[in-house]
N, C-alpha and C. Protein backbone atom coordinates (compact mmCIF):
# COMPACT_ATOMS: atom_id res chain seq x y z
N MET A 1 -9.09 47.22 170.01
CA MET A 1 -7.89 47.09 170.81
C MET A 1 -6.88 48.15 170.39
N ALA A 2 -7.14 49.36 170.80
CA ALA A 2 -6.28 50.47 170.40
C ALA A 2 -5.28 50.79 171.50
N ASP A 3 -4.02 50.50 171.26
CA ASP A 3 -2.92 50.81 172.19
C ASP A 3 -3.20 50.34 173.61
N GLU A 4 -3.50 49.07 173.75
CA GLU A 4 -3.75 48.47 175.06
C GLU A 4 -2.41 48.21 175.75
N THR A 5 -2.36 48.45 177.06
CA THR A 5 -1.13 48.20 177.81
C THR A 5 -1.40 47.23 178.95
N TYR A 6 -0.35 46.57 179.41
CA TYR A 6 -0.43 45.63 180.53
C TYR A 6 0.61 46.05 181.55
N LYS A 7 0.19 46.20 182.80
CA LYS A 7 1.12 46.53 183.87
C LYS A 7 1.04 45.41 184.90
N GLY A 8 2.17 44.76 185.14
CA GLY A 8 2.19 43.66 186.10
C GLY A 8 3.52 42.95 186.10
N GLU A 9 3.50 41.68 186.50
CA GLU A 9 4.72 40.91 186.62
C GLU A 9 5.11 40.22 185.33
N PHE A 10 6.36 40.35 185.00
CA PHE A 10 6.98 39.61 183.90
C PHE A 10 8.10 38.79 184.52
N TYR A 11 8.52 37.71 183.87
CA TYR A 11 9.69 36.96 184.33
C TYR A 11 10.85 37.29 183.42
N CYS A 12 11.93 37.80 184.01
CA CYS A 12 13.13 38.13 183.24
C CYS A 12 14.02 36.90 183.20
N VAL A 13 14.31 36.40 182.02
CA VAL A 13 15.12 35.20 181.85
C VAL A 13 16.58 35.49 182.19
N LYS A 14 17.03 36.69 181.90
CA LYS A 14 18.42 37.04 182.16
C LYS A 14 18.69 37.24 183.66
N CYS A 15 17.80 37.95 184.36
CA CYS A 15 17.94 38.17 185.81
C CYS A 15 17.48 36.95 186.61
N LYS A 16 16.65 36.11 186.01
CA LYS A 16 16.04 34.95 186.67
C LYS A 16 15.18 35.37 187.86
N GLU A 17 14.47 36.49 187.69
CA GLU A 17 13.57 36.99 188.73
C GLU A 17 12.32 37.59 188.10
N LYS A 18 11.25 37.68 188.90
CA LYS A 18 10.04 38.35 188.45
C LYS A 18 10.24 39.85 188.62
N ARG A 19 9.83 40.60 187.63
CA ARG A 19 9.98 42.06 187.65
C ARG A 19 8.64 42.72 187.36
N GLU A 20 8.40 43.84 188.03
CA GLU A 20 7.22 44.67 187.74
C GLU A 20 7.58 45.56 186.56
N ALA A 21 6.77 45.53 185.52
CA ALA A 21 7.04 46.34 184.34
C ALA A 21 5.73 46.64 183.63
N GLU A 22 5.80 47.54 182.67
CA GLU A 22 4.64 47.89 181.85
C GLU A 22 4.98 47.55 180.41
N GLY A 23 4.03 46.94 179.72
CA GLY A 23 4.28 46.53 178.34
C GLY A 23 3.08 46.73 177.46
N LYS A 24 3.32 46.69 176.17
CA LYS A 24 2.28 46.85 175.17
C LYS A 24 1.68 45.49 174.82
N VAL A 25 0.36 45.44 174.70
CA VAL A 25 -0.32 44.19 174.36
C VAL A 25 -0.38 44.05 172.84
N VAL A 26 0.10 42.90 172.34
CA VAL A 26 0.08 42.61 170.91
C VAL A 26 -0.52 41.22 170.71
N VAL A 27 -0.90 40.92 169.47
CA VAL A 27 -1.42 39.59 169.14
C VAL A 27 -0.34 38.88 168.33
N SER A 28 0.03 37.68 168.77
CA SER A 28 1.09 36.93 168.09
C SER A 28 0.56 36.32 166.78
N GLU A 29 1.47 35.69 166.05
CA GLU A 29 1.12 35.10 164.75
C GLU A 29 0.07 34.00 164.88
N ASN A 30 0.10 33.27 166.00
CA ASN A 30 -0.87 32.19 166.18
C ASN A 30 -2.14 32.63 166.90
N GLY A 31 -2.32 33.95 167.09
CA GLY A 31 -3.56 34.49 167.63
C GLY A 31 -3.59 34.70 169.13
N ARG A 32 -2.50 34.45 169.83
CA ARG A 32 -2.46 34.66 171.28
C ARG A 32 -2.14 36.10 171.61
N ARG A 33 -2.77 36.58 172.70
CA ARG A 33 -2.45 37.93 173.19
C ARG A 33 -1.24 37.82 174.08
N MET A 34 -0.30 38.73 173.91
CA MET A 34 0.87 38.75 174.77
C MET A 34 1.31 40.17 175.02
N ALA A 35 1.92 40.36 176.19
CA ALA A 35 2.45 41.67 176.57
C ALA A 35 3.95 41.66 176.34
N LYS A 36 4.46 42.73 175.76
CA LYS A 36 5.88 42.87 175.51
C LYS A 36 6.38 44.11 176.23
N GLY A 37 7.42 43.92 177.04
CA GLY A 37 7.98 45.03 177.79
C GLY A 37 9.50 44.94 177.84
N VAL A 38 10.10 45.78 178.66
CA VAL A 38 11.55 45.82 178.83
C VAL A 38 11.86 45.73 180.32
N CYS A 39 12.85 44.92 180.67
CA CYS A 39 13.26 44.76 182.06
C CYS A 39 13.85 46.07 182.57
N PRO A 40 13.35 46.57 183.71
CA PRO A 40 13.87 47.84 184.23
C PRO A 40 15.29 47.74 184.79
N VAL A 41 15.78 46.52 185.04
CA VAL A 41 17.11 46.34 185.62
C VAL A 41 18.17 46.14 184.54
N CYS A 42 17.95 45.14 183.65
CA CYS A 42 19.00 44.80 182.68
C CYS A 42 18.68 45.22 181.24
N GLY A 43 17.43 45.61 180.96
CA GLY A 43 17.08 46.07 179.63
C GLY A 43 16.70 44.98 178.64
N THR A 44 16.57 43.74 179.09
CA THR A 44 16.20 42.62 178.23
C THR A 44 14.72 42.72 177.87
N ASN A 45 14.35 42.27 176.67
CA ASN A 45 12.95 42.24 176.27
C ASN A 45 12.22 41.19 177.08
N LEU A 46 11.01 41.53 177.55
CA LEU A 46 10.19 40.63 178.34
C LEU A 46 8.91 40.30 177.59
N ASN A 47 8.45 39.06 177.72
CA ASN A 47 7.19 38.63 177.11
C ASN A 47 6.36 37.93 178.16
N ARG A 48 5.04 38.15 178.08
CA ARG A 48 4.12 37.44 178.95
C ARG A 48 2.88 37.10 178.15
N ILE A 49 2.51 35.83 178.15
CA ILE A 49 1.31 35.39 177.43
C ILE A 49 0.10 35.66 178.32
N LEU A 50 -0.91 36.30 177.75
CA LEU A 50 -2.11 36.69 178.49
C LEU A 50 -3.27 35.79 178.13
N GLY A 51 -4.32 35.85 178.92
CA GLY A 51 -5.53 35.06 178.66
C GLY A 51 -6.31 35.62 177.47
N LYS A 52 -7.35 34.91 177.07
CA LYS A 52 -8.13 35.32 175.91
C LYS A 52 -9.17 36.38 176.22
N ALA A 53 -9.42 36.67 177.49
CA ALA A 53 -10.48 37.60 177.88
C ALA A 53 -10.20 39.02 177.48
């Protein structure tokens, strides 16, 4: 898993809307894969939990 990226929909909690963004895929402390990105409108950090595949 070398520098994997995710491009798709994230939910921005600050804007309260779904946003299209690109983020880096990381593994959390409990072993879940998640994508981390930045909201293109307000600049808030975005997180999306991904499947195990």
